[in-house]
Amino acid sequence: MSNTVNPLTGAGVGRIPPRYRGASGAVRWTMRHLVPHLLLIGLALIFILPFVWLVSTSLKPDSQIFVLPPEWVPHPFKWSNYPEALTYIPYFLYMRNSLYIALFNVCAMLISCSLVAYGFARIHWPGRNLLFIVLLATMMIPYPVTLIPVFVIFRQIGWVGSFNALTWPALTGSAFYIFLLRQFFMTIPQDLADAARVDGASEFQIYRRIILPLAKPALATVAILVFLDNWNDFLGPLIYLGGNQQDYTLALGLNDYFGAHSAEWALLMAAVTVMVIPVAVLFFVSQRTFIQGIALTGRR
């Protein structure tokens, strides 16, 4: 195989097999790769339409929101919807609360899950595989089954009505993220750890200086998933934060806003757009690391 120049555009088209050499072969090679890309672009446009409609609605006057046929481009653009939506409620207070909960959970999950995953993946001890199966079995327990017992426990220790119930439990880890990290840790060559043990390194030093630096893609994947899960969480804050609006997260604040502005859809869409922007930026900034972490997990 060799690099070939596309006779139609004069640009390189990559490494082309011998059967695709020549002008007609280059055309067939280009079409073979063009069709899947066009299909993916079409699917991407379909999935992005709700977000486009969200942004469009957030900039519309009320008279244009429910017109038929729908108007995708507002005229005129009503930029005042954003400052009005963000000042009616303490939006940035709710954002600070959401960030605190999300970032606390990210740090706590990375510490707890990586330590447990290291124990399952790199240390041999009796009953390890059996206990790992039990851990995986806990993922099949529906959340509503444990909701009431956990709420009773948190109420007895005084965590209901504060951030404690939404933050400190993350230090106990999560079965799914432990599984994800354990599978990635098992792909790291054992020879690296053996060489460190010969030099006198302890298990914690191997974990901190060898495993964690090599597991950055998997750790980034877990961090992104944990952040998104807590940033968008509505049920947890609704149950444990109580009625103190100073502790509301963005999800609760927007629900309260919807109750007060059920007819002002443009303002609600503007507030939701600002909530979605950090998530979108996080994904586009870290998408390569995220995909790498998912793709490498489980390979042996």
Protein backbone atom coordinates (compact mmCIF):
# COMPACT_ATOMS: atom_id res chain seq x y z
CA MET A 1 0.00 0.00 0.00
CA SER A 2 1.18 3.51 -0.69
CA ASN A 3 0.04 7.10 -0.44
CA THR A 4 -1.92 8.15 -3.52
CA VAL A 5 -3.05 11.57 -4.70
CA ASN A 6 -6.72 11.98 -5.48
CA PRO A 7 -6.91 12.91 -9.20
CA LEU A 8 -10.09 14.92 -8.57
CA THR A 9 -8.79 17.18 -5.82
CA GLY A 10 -5.02 16.76 -5.94
CA ALA A 11 -5.00 15.97 -2.22
CA GLY A 12 -3.65 12.86 -0.57
CA VAL A 13 -6.23 10.27 0.36
CA GLY A 14 -4.07 8.14 2.64
CA ARG A 15 -2.78 4.65 2.20
CA ILE A 16 -4.77 3.09 -0.66
CA PRO A 17 -4.72 -0.68 -1.35
CA PRO A 18 -3.35 -1.73 -4.77
CA ARG A 19 -6.80 -2.54 -6.18
CA TYR A 20 -7.80 1.13 -5.79
CA ARG A 21 -4.81 2.60 -7.63
CA GLY A 22 -5.40 4.73 -10.66
CA ALA A 23 -7.97 7.43 -11.38
CA SER A 24 -11.06 5.20 -11.22
CA GLY A 25 -9.73 3.37 -8.16
CA ALA A 26 -9.13 6.66 -6.34
CA VAL A 27 -12.70 7.71 -7.09
CA ARG A 28 -14.07 4.42 -5.70
CA TRP A 29 -11.82 4.73 -2.66
CA THR A 30 -13.01 8.28 -2.04
CA MET A 31 -16.67 7.32 -2.40
CA ARG A 32 -16.23 4.33 -0.10
CA HIS A 33 -15.03 6.65 2.66
CA LEU A 34 -17.25 9.59 1.74
CA VAL A 35 -20.58 7.80 2.16
CA PRO A 36 -19.99 6.73 5.79
CA HIS A 37 -18.82 10.22 6.67
CA LEU A 38 -21.90 11.78 5.08
CA LEU A 39 -24.09 9.33 7.00
CA LEU A 40 -22.39 10.22 10.28
CA ILE A 41 -22.73 13.93 9.55
CA GLY A 42 -26.43 13.46 8.84
CA LEU A 43 -26.95 11.59 12.11
CA ALA A 44 -24.97 14.25 13.98
CA LEU A 45 -27.24 16.95 12.55
CA ILE A 46 -30.31 15.03 13.69
CA PHE A 47 -28.97 14.71 17.23
CA ILE A 48 -27.90 18.36 17.40
CA LEU A 49 -31.29 19.70 16.30
CA PRO A 50 -32.76 19.79 19.85
CA PHE A 51 -29.82 21.88 21.05
CA VAL A 52 -30.15 24.24 18.08
CA TRP A 53 -33.86 24.60 18.83
CA LEU A 54 -33.02 25.27 22.50
CA VAL A 55 -30.67 28.12 21.61
CA SER A 56 -33.05 29.46 18.98
CA THR A 57 -35.98 29.49 21.41
CA SER A 58 -33.90 31.23 24.06
CA LEU A 59 -33.43 34.19 21.69
CA LYS A 60 -37.03 34.51 20.48
CA PRO A 61 -39.78 36.87 21.49
CA ASP A 62 -42.78 35.08 23.01
CA SER A 63 -44.84 35.59 19.85
CA GLN A 64 -42.46 33.44 17.74
CA ILE A 65 -42.08 30.38 19.98
CA PHE A 66 -45.20 28.40 19.00
CA VAL A 67 -45.79 29.63 15.46
CA LEU A 68 -46.37 27.11 12.65
CA PRO A 69 -44.36 26.40 10.63
CA PRO A 70 -41.55 26.78 13.20
CA GLU A 71 -39.12 29.67 12.77
CA TRP A 72 -35.56 28.52 13.39
CA VAL A 73 -33.98 31.96 13.15
CA PRO A 74 -35.35 34.54 15.59
CA HIS A 75 -36.17 37.96 14.24
CA PRO A 76 -35.20 40.04 16.00
CA PHE A 77 -32.75 38.34 18.34
CA LYS A 78 -33.94 39.04 21.88
CA TRP A 79 -30.64 38.98 23.79
CA SER A 80 -32.33 40.48 26.85
CA ASN A 81 -33.76 37.03 27.64
CA TYR A 82 -30.41 35.95 29.08
CA PRO A 83 -29.78 38.70 31.67
CA GLU A 84 -33.46 38.58 32.63
CA ALA A 85 -33.37 34.80 33.11
CA LEU A 86 -30.14 34.88 35.12
CA THR A 87 -31.17 37.70 37.47
CA TYR A 88 -34.67 36.60 38.42
CA ILE A 89 -33.25 33.75 40.53
CA PRO A 90 -29.80 33.51 42.20
CA TYR A 91 -28.52 31.62 39.18
CA PHE A 92 -24.83 31.87 39.98
CA LEU A 93 -25.42 30.77 43.57
CA TYR A 94 -27.09 27.63 42.23
CA MET A 95 -24.21 27.16 39.80
CA ARG A 96 -21.70 27.43 42.63
CA ASN A 97 -23.60 24.79 44.61
CA SER A 98 -23.68 22.49 41.58
CA LEU A 99 -19.98 22.97 40.96
CA TYR A 100 -19.14 22.23 44.59
CA ILE A 101 -21.11 18.99 44.59
CA ALA A 102 -19.85 17.90 41.17
CA LEU A 103 -16.16 18.65 41.81
CA PHE A 104 -16.24 17.10 45.29
CA ASN A 105 -17.71 13.92 43.83
CA VAL A 106 -15.12 13.88 41.03
CA CYS A 107 -12.20 14.06 43.47
CA ALA A 108 -13.74 11.60 45.92
CA MET A 109 -14.64 9.07 43.22
CA LEU A 110 -11.20 9.23 41.62
CA ILE A 111 -9.50 8.54 44.95
CA SER A 112 -11.82 5.81 46.23
CA CYS A 113 -12.49 4.00 42.96
CA SER A 114 -8.86 3.99 41.83
CA LEU A 115 -7.67 2.56 45.16
CA VAL A 116 -10.28 -0.21 45.14
CA ALA A 117 -9.69 -0.94 41.46
CA TYR A 118 -5.95 -1.23 42.09
CA GLY A 119 -6.60 -3.78 44.81
CA PHE A 120 -8.78 -5.85 42.48
CA ALA A 121 -6.50 -5.58 39.45
CA ARG A 122 -2.92 -5.68 40.77
CA ILE A 123 -2.89 -7.37 44.19
CA HIS A 124 -3.53 -11.09 44.59
CA TRP A 125 -5.44 -12.03 47.75
CA PRO A 126 -7.86 -14.84 48.68
CA GLY A 127 -11.45 -14.29 47.56
CA ARG A 128 -10.58 -11.39 45.26
CA ASN A 129 -12.56 -12.64 42.25
CA LEU A 130 -15.56 -13.65 44.35
CA LEU A 131 -15.73 -10.25 46.03
CA PHE A 132 -15.40 -8.55 42.66
CA ILE A 133 -18.40 -10.54 41.38
CA VAL A 134 -20.37 -9.43 44.45
CA LEU A 135 -19.37 -5.85 43.71
CA LEU A 136 -20.61 -6.14 40.12
CA ALA A 137 -23.85 -7.71 41.36
CA THR A 138 -24.63 -4.54 43.30
CA MET A 139 -25.05 -2.70 39.99
CA MET A 140 -28.18 -4.78 39.36
CA ILE A 141 -29.93 -3.39 42.46
CA PRO A 142 -32.34 -0.63 41.34
CA TYR A 143 -31.80 2.78 42.93
CA PRO A 144 -35.38 3.00 44.32
CA VAL A 145 -34.76 -0.19 46.35
CA THR A 146 -32.03 1.46 48.42
CA LEU A 147 -33.50 4.97 48.38
CA ILE A 148 -35.58 4.76 51.56
CA PRO A 149 -33.02 2.86 53.71
CA VAL A 150 -30.26 5.26 52.69
CA PHE A 151 -32.48 8.26 53.39
CA VAL A 152 -33.28 6.91 56.87
CA ILE A 153 -29.58 6.42 57.60
CA PHE A 154 -28.67 9.93 56.42
CA ARG A 155 -31.51 11.42 58.46
CA GLN A 156 -30.34 9.61 61.59
CA ILE A 157 -26.82 11.02 61.27
CA GLY A 158 -28.09 14.52 60.44
CA TRP A 159 -27.06 14.74 56.81
CA VAL A 160 -30.50 15.51 55.37
CA GLY A 161 -30.80 19.20 54.56
CA SER A 162 -27.11 19.69 53.75
CA PHE A 163 -24.56 18.88 51.06
CA ASN A 164 -23.12 16.00 53.13
CA ALA A 165 -25.57 13.44 51.77
CA LEU A 166 -24.60 14.37 48.21
CA THR A 167 -20.82 14.52 48.68
CA TRP A 168 -19.28 12.28 51.36
CA PRO A 169 -20.85 9.01 50.10
CA ALA A 170 -18.68 9.37 47.00
CA LEU A 171 -15.70 8.32 49.15
CA THR A 172 -17.20 4.81 49.26
CA GLY A 173 -16.77 4.47 45.49
CA SER A 174 -19.05 3.23 42.74
CA ALA A 175 -19.20 -0.31 41.36
CA PHE A 176 -19.31 0.84 37.74
CA TYR A 177 -16.31 3.16 37.99
CA ILE A 178 -14.35 0.57 39.97
CA PHE A 179 -15.05 -1.92 37.20
CA LEU A 180 -13.99 0.59 34.54
CA LEU A 181 -10.69 1.42 36.24
CA ARG A 182 -9.97 -2.18 37.16
CA GLN A 183 -10.25 -3.24 33.52
CA PHE A 184 -7.88 -0.45 32.49
CA PHE A 185 -5.35 -1.22 35.25
CA MET A 186 -5.19 -4.83 34.06
CA THR A 187 -3.93 -3.64 30.65
CA ILE A 188 -0.81 -2.09 32.23
CA PRO A 189 2.17 -4.49 31.97
CA GLN A 190 2.92 -6.30 35.22
CA ASP A 191 6.64 -6.01 34.52
CA LEU A 192 6.55 -2.32 35.46
CA ALA A 193 5.22 -3.09 38.92
CA ASP A 194 7.64 -6.01 39.39
CA ALA A 195 10.59 -3.80 38.52
CA ALA A 196 9.41 -1.21 41.05
CA ARG A 197 9.08 -3.88 43.75
CA VAL A 198 12.63 -5.01 43.07
CA ASP A 199 13.75 -1.42 43.67
CA GLY A 200 11.93 -1.44 47.02
CA ALA A 201 8.74 0.41 46.12
CA SER A 202 5.66 -0.24 48.24
CA GLU A 203 2.24 -1.00 46.78
CA PHE A 204 1.09 2.55 47.40
CA GLN A 205 4.16 3.95 45.64
CA ILE A 206 3.51 1.67 42.65
CA TYR A 207 -0.10 2.83 42.61
CA ARG A 208 0.79 6.52 42.85
CA ARG A 209 3.92 6.71 40.69
CA ILE A 210 3.31 4.06 38.02
CA ILE A 211 -0.35 3.09 37.71
CA LEU A 212 -2.01 6.49 38.06
CA PRO A 213 0.23 8.31 35.52
CA LEU A 214 -0.36 5.54 32.98
CA ALA A 215 -4.11 5.50 33.64
CA LYS A 216 -4.81 9.17 32.86
CA PRO A 217 -7.25 8.39 29.99
CA ALA A 218 -9.35 6.12 32.21
CA LEU A 219 -9.21 8.57 35.13
CA ALA A 220 -10.29 11.39 32.81
CA THR A 221 -13.18 9.25 31.57
CA VAL A 222 -14.36 8.57 35.12
CA ALA A 223 -13.99 12.26 36.02
CA ILE A 224 -16.12 13.33 33.05
CA LEU A 225 -18.85 10.76 33.74
CA VAL A 226 -18.99 11.63 37.45
CA PHE A 227 -19.12 15.36 36.73
CA LEU A 228 -21.95 14.99 34.22
CA ASP A 229 -23.89 12.69 36.53
CA ASN A 230 -23.76 15.15 39.43
CA TRP A 231 -24.13 18.30 37.34
CA ASN A 232 -27.42 17.03 35.88
CA ASP A 233 -28.66 15.27 39.02
CA PHE A 234 -32.16 16.31 40.07
CA LEU A 235 -33.50 13.50 42.26
CA GLY A 236 -30.65 13.52 44.78
CA PRO A 237 -30.78 17.26 45.58
CA LEU A 238 -34.59 17.14 45.59
CA ILE A 239 -34.59 14.44 48.29
CA TYR A 240 -31.70 15.51 50.51
CA LEU A 241 -31.43 19.30 50.30
CA GLY A 242 -34.90 20.08 51.65
CA GLY A 243 -36.54 23.47 51.15
CA ASN A 244 -33.55 25.75 51.76
CA GLN A 245 -33.19 27.61 48.47
CA GLN A 246 -29.68 28.77 49.39
CA ASP A 247 -28.54 25.15 48.90
CA TYR A 248 -30.34 24.57 45.59
CA THR A 249 -28.42 23.21 42.64
CA LEU A 250 -29.05 24.34 39.08
CA ALA A 251 -31.39 21.43 38.41
CA LEU A 252 -33.55 22.33 41.41
CA GLY A 253 -33.33 26.04 40.69
CA LEU A 254 -34.50 25.61 37.11
CA ASN A 255 -37.38 23.43 38.27
CA ASP A 256 -38.37 26.16 40.73
CA TYR A 257 -37.99 28.70 37.94
CA PHE A 258 -40.25 26.63 35.72
CA GLY A 259 -42.90 26.68 38.43
CA ALA A 260 -42.74 30.46 38.60
CA HIS A 261 -42.42 31.00 34.83
CA SER A 262 -44.38 28.16 33.28
CA ALA A 263 -45.55 30.42 30.44
CA GLU A 264 -42.24 32.25 29.78
CA TRP A 265 -40.53 29.59 27.70
CA ALA A 266 -37.90 31.88 26.22
CA LEU A 267 -36.52 32.76 29.66
CA LEU A 268 -36.54 29.12 30.72
CA MET A 269 -34.69 28.09 27.55
CA ALA A 270 -32.13 30.84 28.14
CA ALA A 271 -31.46 29.57 31.67
CA VAL A 272 -31.17 25.97 30.44
CA THR A 273 -28.77 27.02 27.67
CA VAL A 274 -26.40 28.58 30.19
CA MET A 275 -26.56 25.35 32.22
CA VAL A 276 -25.74 23.22 29.17
CA ILE A 277 -22.79 25.33 28.00
CA PRO A 278 -20.26 24.05 30.63
CA VAL A 279 -21.18 20.45 29.77
CA ALA A 280 -20.76 21.06 26.04
CA VAL A 281 -17.42 22.81 26.55
CA LEU A 282 -16.20 19.99 28.82
CA PHE A 283 -17.07 17.37 26.21
CA PHE A 284 -15.43 19.13 23.27
CA VAL A 285 -12.28 19.89 25.25
CA SER A 286 -11.88 16.33 26.55
CA GLN A 287 -13.54 14.22 23.88
CA ARG A 288 -10.28 12.70 22.60
CA THR A 289 -9.20 11.64 26.09
CA PHE A 290 -12.71 10.39 26.83
CA ILE A 291 -12.82 8.23 23.70
CA GLN A 292 -9.31 6.93 24.35
CA GLY A 293 -10.23 5.93 27.90
CA ILE A 294 -13.33 4.05 26.75
CA ALA A 295 -11.54 2.37 23.83
CA LEU A 296 -8.61 1.11 25.90
CA THR A 297 -10.66 -0.13 28.84
CA GLY A 298 -10.98 -3.91 28.83
CA ARG A 299 -8.14 -4.62 26.38
CA ARG A 300 -5.75 -7.29 27.61
